[in-house]
Amino acid sequence: MLLLWTLTALFALTTASTTQDSWKSDMFLQGTVKSSSPPIQYWRSGFSVNPDGDIIIFTPGAGLDHHSFDAQVLPLVLAGHRVVTYDPRCQGMSQVSNITARESCTITFDLMLQDMDSMMIDLHIPYKQAVLQAGLSMGGMVAQQFAKVYPNRTKALIAMDCGPNEVLLPWMQYYLATPLDTLIANDNNASFNAILNTSNNTIARQEIYRELSESGDAEIVKAMKACAEVVVDDPTYTRLNIPELLLYGQLDGLTNTSMIEWYNRDIANPHISLVSVPNAGHVSSLDNPEGVVTALIAFLNTIKH
């Protein structure tokens, strides 16, 4: 299904008014943020064919990589947007090449926001230009944190399959109280399997497995501890100044309850939407790419000027 959706979008792109050569030379162009350590790998799409389009930056979840959003990129470019996907530090292709040295790769939200800022500079995005921050699971928490730290640089927040950064979830308390070395030693693939087993889509599971395997168990645990550490427990916090799309997989038992509670807390926001994606688990962008694209396009249409 994922491949079918990607091919459908690809066919539509070839028949769009823009010439085939134009879009071919403007899709998934790889760049490297050399100033970051490790260097951050990113891919930009639609920057030439949609020079005035909104910029959407997608951050994947713990242990996942930019391919989590492959099926969403093409339809969004067709809709007139510019899209950036990337591999966060210590994940996917943004890892230290020396496997032994990977143990020293550090993941914190402060560092990830620095990477984000450096990537935006590398993309020549003006500091005063507001972008749409989107992310899945840990990536949704990164997007939230960017919106909190840089409100004037955030046009909208798209949070997928994640809890709010102001509510300490039960599992986070264990991660906060336990040293990183102990967490890694005792994990025994538990974090890996917790993410993988929310999916009942065979093709999606294969891709989730590949992405998690490339990052490795230790990096998944590091990322999850970073998620726990960024939370400032404040259940009364509201985010009412920017449009919000809260999207969760219907079958995701990890975050769907917290996303519903988040929506109810921010219900006064006139530009908030809550979408349950059918037949999707924790990685909804892979489990049901069509459903996620439909929700994204509908939301983006509501915030066009």
Protein backbone atom coordinates (compact mmCIF):
# COMPACT_ATOMS: atom_id res chain seq x y z
CA MET A 1 0.00 0.00 0.00
CA LEU A 2 2.84 2.38 0.82
CA LEU A 3 4.48 1.66 -2.54
CA LEU A 4 1.17 2.02 -4.36
CA TRP A 5 0.52 5.41 -2.79
CA THR A 6 4.03 6.63 -3.62
CA LEU A 7 3.72 5.47 -7.23
CA THR A 8 0.30 7.12 -7.54
CA ALA A 9 1.70 10.42 -6.30
CA LEU A 10 4.70 10.03 -8.59
CA PHE A 11 2.43 9.51 -11.60
CA ALA A 12 0.39 12.57 -10.66
CA LEU A 13 3.56 14.60 -10.39
CA THR A 14 4.68 13.56 -13.87
CA THR A 15 1.37 14.72 -15.32
CA ALA A 16 1.30 18.03 -13.44
CA SER A 17 1.75 21.31 -15.29
CA THR A 18 5.38 21.52 -14.17
CA THR A 19 7.64 19.75 -16.65
CA GLN A 20 8.95 16.32 -15.78
CA ASP A 21 12.55 17.49 -15.83
CA SER A 22 11.74 20.31 -13.38
CA TRP A 23 10.32 18.12 -10.66
CA LYS A 24 12.83 15.34 -11.18
CA SER A 25 15.64 17.72 -10.43
CA ASP A 26 13.82 19.10 -7.38
CA MET A 27 12.92 16.00 -5.37
CA PHE A 28 14.78 14.45 -2.42
CA LEU A 29 17.93 16.51 -2.93
CA GLN A 30 20.38 15.55 -0.21
CA GLY A 31 22.29 18.06 1.86
CA THR A 32 24.64 17.85 4.83
CA VAL A 33 24.89 20.10 7.87
CA LYS A 34 28.64 19.83 8.31
CA SER A 35 28.70 22.16 11.32
CA SER A 36 26.78 19.62 13.41
CA SER A 37 28.47 16.72 15.15
CA PRO A 38 27.62 14.21 13.85
CA PRO A 39 26.81 15.83 10.46
CA ILE A 40 23.06 15.97 9.88
CA GLN A 41 21.74 14.55 6.61
CA TYR A 42 18.62 16.12 5.11
CA TRP A 43 16.58 15.98 1.89
CA ARG A 44 14.72 18.92 0.35
CA SER A 45 11.88 18.71 -2.16
CA GLY A 46 9.92 21.32 -4.12
CA PHE A 47 12.19 24.28 -3.37
CA SER A 48 12.56 25.18 -7.06
CA VAL A 49 9.14 24.28 -8.40
CA ASN A 50 7.38 25.89 -5.40
CA PRO A 51 9.67 28.86 -4.56
CA ASP A 52 6.93 30.63 -2.60
CA GLY A 53 5.41 27.58 -0.95
CA ASP A 54 5.27 27.06 2.78
CA ILE A 55 8.18 25.06 4.17
CA ILE A 56 7.29 21.92 6.15
CA ILE A 57 10.05 20.24 8.18
CA PHE A 58 9.39 16.62 9.20
CA THR A 59 11.24 15.04 12.14
CA PRO A 60 10.95 11.24 12.56
CA GLY A 61 10.57 9.28 15.78
CA ALA A 62 13.14 7.64 18.03
CA GLY A 63 15.28 5.27 15.97
CA LEU A 64 13.44 6.11 12.75
CA ASP A 65 14.66 8.05 9.71
CA HIS A 66 13.50 10.34 6.91
CA HIS A 67 11.97 7.47 4.95
CA SER A 68 9.11 7.48 7.47
CA PHE A 69 7.68 10.38 5.41
CA ASP A 70 8.52 9.35 1.85
CA ALA A 71 4.87 8.79 0.95
CA GLN A 72 3.87 12.24 2.22
CA VAL A 73 6.51 14.29 0.39
CA LEU A 74 5.28 13.93 -3.19
CA PRO A 75 1.61 14.84 -2.53
CA LEU A 76 2.69 17.85 -0.47
CA VAL A 77 4.93 19.10 -3.27
CA LEU A 78 2.01 18.65 -5.66
CA ALA A 79 -0.06 20.78 -3.30
CA GLY A 80 2.46 23.61 -3.62
CA HIS A 81 4.60 23.12 -0.53
CA ARG A 82 8.33 22.81 0.06
CA VAL A 83 9.29 19.82 2.17
CA VAL A 84 12.34 18.95 4.26
CA THR A 85 12.94 15.51 5.74
CA TYR A 86 16.04 14.55 7.68
CA ASP A 87 17.68 12.02 9.96
CA PRO A 88 18.08 13.35 13.52
CA ARG A 89 21.42 13.08 15.27
CA CYS A 90 22.64 9.54 15.96
CA GLN A 91 19.90 8.04 13.76
CA GLY A 92 19.76 6.77 10.19
CA MET A 93 22.45 8.43 8.10
CA SER A 94 23.17 11.09 10.73
CA GLN A 95 25.39 8.75 12.68
CA VAL A 96 29.07 8.60 13.40
CA SER A 97 30.56 6.36 10.70
CA ASN A 98 32.77 4.54 13.22
CA ILE A 99 30.47 2.01 14.90
CA THR A 100 32.57 1.93 18.08
CA ALA A 101 32.45 5.74 18.35
CA ARG A 102 28.64 5.72 18.13
CA GLU A 103 28.50 5.00 21.85
CA SER A 104 29.57 8.59 22.48
CA CYS A 105 26.90 10.10 20.23
CA THR A 106 24.76 12.34 22.46
CA ILE A 107 21.04 13.00 22.07
CA THR A 108 19.38 15.91 23.85
CA PHE A 109 16.62 18.24 22.74
CA ASP A 110 18.91 21.26 23.08
CA LEU A 111 21.31 19.64 20.62
CA MET A 112 18.48 18.67 18.27
CA LEU A 113 17.20 22.25 18.22
CA GLN A 114 20.73 23.44 17.46
CA ASP A 115 20.82 20.92 14.60
CA MET A 116 17.47 22.21 13.38
CA ASP A 117 18.68 25.81 13.44
CA SER A 118 21.89 24.87 11.60
CA MET A 119 19.89 22.92 9.01
CA MET A 120 17.61 25.90 8.37
CA ILE A 121 20.67 28.09 7.89
CA ASP A 122 22.11 25.52 5.47
CA LEU A 123 18.80 25.62 3.57
CA HIS A 124 19.01 29.44 3.40
CA ILE A 125 15.72 29.85 5.24
CA PRO A 126 15.61 33.45 6.53
CA TYR A 127 15.56 33.68 10.33
CA LYS A 128 12.30 35.65 10.26
CA GLN A 129 10.53 33.17 8.00
CA ALA A 130 8.07 30.97 9.87
CA VAL A 131 7.99 27.29 8.92
CA LEU A 132 5.59 24.46 9.64
CA GLN A 133 7.11 22.10 12.20
CA ALA A 134 5.92 18.52 11.84
CA GLY A 135 7.05 15.38 13.59
CA LEU A 136 6.14 11.86 14.59
CA SER A 137 6.55 10.49 18.12
CA MET A 138 9.88 11.93 19.35
CA GLY A 139 9.81 14.10 16.23
CA GLY A 140 6.49 15.57 17.33
CA MET A 141 8.09 16.50 20.63
CA VAL A 142 10.98 18.16 18.77
CA ALA A 143 8.44 20.12 16.73
CA GLN A 144 6.66 21.20 19.93
CA GLN A 145 9.91 22.30 21.53
CA PHE A 146 10.90 24.33 18.47
CA ALA A 147 7.49 26.04 18.53
CA LYS A 148 7.93 26.85 22.23
CA VAL A 149 11.49 28.17 21.93
CA TYR A 150 10.97 29.89 18.57
CA PRO A 151 7.28 30.90 18.41
CA ASN A 152 7.91 33.59 15.81
CA ARG A 153 9.61 31.06 13.53
CA THR A 154 6.73 28.57 13.68
CA LYS A 155 3.72 28.99 11.39
CA ALA A 156 1.96 25.80 12.51
CA LEU A 157 2.54 22.64 14.53
CA ILE A 158 1.80 19.18 13.19
CA ALA A 159 2.18 16.61 15.98
CA MET A 160 1.83 12.96 15.02
CA ASP A 161 1.60 10.04 17.45
CA CYS A 162 3.17 11.87 20.40
CA GLY A 163 2.30 13.18 23.82
CA PRO A 164 2.53 16.84 24.82
CA ASN A 165 5.82 18.14 26.19
CA GLU A 166 4.03 19.33 29.31
CA VAL A 167 2.71 16.01 30.59
CA LEU A 168 5.05 13.42 32.12
CA LEU A 169 3.83 10.04 30.94
CA PRO A 170 4.28 7.02 33.26
CA TRP A 171 7.10 5.40 31.26
CA MET A 172 9.05 8.67 31.33
CA GLN A 173 9.42 8.55 35.09
CA TYR A 174 11.43 5.33 34.82
CA TYR A 175 13.65 6.84 32.12
CA LEU A 176 14.27 9.92 34.23
CA ALA A 177 15.17 7.95 37.34
CA THR A 178 17.44 5.41 35.62
CA PRO A 179 21.01 6.07 34.40
CA LEU A 180 21.45 5.82 30.63
CA ASP A 181 23.93 2.95 30.83
CA THR A 182 21.47 0.94 32.91
CA LEU A 183 18.62 1.67 30.52
CA ILE A 184 20.66 0.46 27.56
CA ALA A 185 21.92 -2.65 29.36
CA ASN A 186 18.43 -3.66 30.52
CA ASP A 187 16.47 -2.78 27.37
CA ASN A 188 16.85 -6.13 25.56
CA ASN A 189 15.06 -4.81 22.45
CA ALA A 190 12.02 -3.77 24.51
CA SER A 191 11.94 -0.22 23.09
CA PHE A 192 12.54 -1.53 19.57
CA ASN A 193 9.67 -4.01 19.85
CA ALA A 194 7.31 -1.54 21.52
CA ILE A 195 7.51 0.68 18.44
CA LEU A 196 7.47 -2.16 15.90
CA ASN A 197 4.58 -4.07 17.44
CA THR A 198 2.06 -1.24 17.17
CA SER A 199 1.94 -1.86 13.41
CA ASN A 200 -0.18 -4.59 11.84
CA ASN A 201 0.76 -3.60 8.28
CA THR A 202 3.29 -6.07 6.87
CA ILE A 203 4.98 -3.63 4.49
CA ALA A 204 5.08 -0.90 7.11
CA ARG A 205 6.53 -3.30 9.70
CA GLN A 206 9.32 -4.20 7.29
CA GLU A 207 10.23 -0.53 6.84
CA ILE A 208 9.95 0.25 10.57
CA TYR A 209 12.19 -2.75 11.30
CA ARG A 210 14.76 -1.58 8.76
CA GLU A 211 14.84 1.97 10.11
CA LEU A 212 15.09 0.90 13.76
CA SER A 213 17.77 -1.67 12.95
CA GLU A 214 19.91 0.90 11.16
CA SER A 215 19.86 3.19 14.18
CA GLY A 216 20.29 0.46 16.79
CA ASP A 217 18.87 -0.26 20.23
CA ALA A 218 21.19 2.08 22.14
CA GLU A 219 20.26 5.09 20.01
CA ILE A 220 16.55 4.35 20.45
CA VAL A 221 16.99 4.29 24.23
CA LYS A 222 19.04 7.52 24.16
CA ALA A 223 16.31 9.23 22.17
CA MET A 224 13.58 8.05 24.51
CA LYS A 225 15.49 9.27 27.56
CA ALA A 226 15.89 12.64 25.82
CA CYS A 227 12.11 12.75 25.37
CA ALA A 228 11.59 12.20 29.09
CA GLU A 229 14.15 14.84 30.00
CA VAL A 230 12.59 17.60 27.88
CA VAL A 231 9.17 17.36 29.55
CA VAL A 232 8.27 20.16 31.94
CA ASP A 233 5.30 18.80 33.87
CA ASP A 234 2.61 21.47 33.49
CA PRO A 235 -0.81 19.96 32.66
CA THR A 236 -2.37 23.44 32.54
CA TYR A 237 -0.13 24.62 29.68
CA THR A 238 -1.97 25.66 26.52
CA ARG A 239 -0.67 26.41 23.06
CA LEU A 240 -3.24 28.71 21.49
CA ASN A 241 -1.19 31.08 19.34
CA ILE A 242 -0.51 28.82 16.32
CA PRO A 243 -2.56 26.32 14.30
CA GLU A 244 -2.22 22.74 15.55
CA LEU A 245 -2.87 19.43 13.86
CA LEU A 246 -2.90 16.54 16.32
CA LEU A 247 -2.84 13.24 14.46
CA TYR A 248 -2.67 9.75 15.90
CA GLY A 249 -3.01 6.19 14.70
CA GLN A 250 -6.30 4.63 15.74
CA LEU A 251 -4.47 1.51 16.90
CA ASP A 252 -1.68 3.35 18.72
CA GLY A 253 -1.99 2.46 22.37
CA LEU A 254 1.14 4.45 23.20
CA THR A 255 -0.09 8.01 22.65
CA ASN A 256 -3.70 8.21 21.47
CA THR A 257 -5.13 8.92 24.94
CA SER A 258 -2.64 11.71 25.63
CA MET A 259 -3.33 13.31 22.25
CA ILE A 260 -7.06 13.38 22.94
CA GLU A 261 -6.37 14.99 26.33
CA TRP A 262 -4.08 17.50 24.61
CA TYR A 263 -6.84 18.42 22.16
CA ASN A 264 -9.34 18.93 24.97
CA ARG A 265 -6.87 21.16 26.80
CA ASP A 266 -6.28 23.35 23.73
CA ILE A 267 -9.88 23.30 22.51
CA ALA A 268 -10.00 27.12 22.72
CA ASN A 269 -7.52 27.27 19.84
CA PRO A 270 -9.67 28.23 16.81
CA HIS A 271 -7.21 26.46 14.50
CA ILE A 272 -6.79 23.07 16.15
CA SER A 273 -7.69 19.76 14.54
CA LEU A 274 -7.64 16.23 15.95
CA VAL A 275 -7.52 13.33 13.50
CA SER A 276 -7.59 9.62 14.22
CA VAL A 277 -5.99 7.75 11.33
CA PRO A 278 -7.77 4.42 10.80
CA ASN A 279 -5.83 1.16 10.61
CA ALA A 280 -2.64 2.83 11.84
CA GLY A 281 -0.41 2.25 14.84
CA HIS A 282 2.35 4.38 16.32
CA VAL A 283 4.03 5.13 12.98
CA SER A 284 0.90 6.30 11.21
CA SER A 285 2.77 7.82 8.26
CA LEU A 286 3.86 4.32 7.24
CA ASP A 287 0.85 2.32 8.44
CA ASN A 288 -1.70 4.43 6.55
CA PRO A 289 0.09 6.92 4.30
CA GLU A 290 -3.09 7.82 2.41
CA GLY A 291 -4.92 8.70 5.61
CA VAL A 292 -2.04 10.87 6.82
CA VAL A 293 -1.77 12.70 3.48
CA THR A 294 -5.51 13.38 3.47
CA ALA A 295 -5.33 14.83 7.01
CA LEU A 296 -2.26 16.93 6.19
CA ILE A 297 -3.72 18.43 3.02
CA ALA A 298 -7.05 19.20 4.71
CA PHE A 299 -5.28 20.95 7.59
CA LEU A 300 -2.89 22.89 5.36
CA ASN A 301 -5.80 24.14 3.27
CA THR A 302 -7.33 25.72 6.39
CA ILE A 303 -4.27 27.83 7.13
CA LYS A 304 -3.56 29.18 3.66
CA HIS A 305 -3.52 32.96 3.46
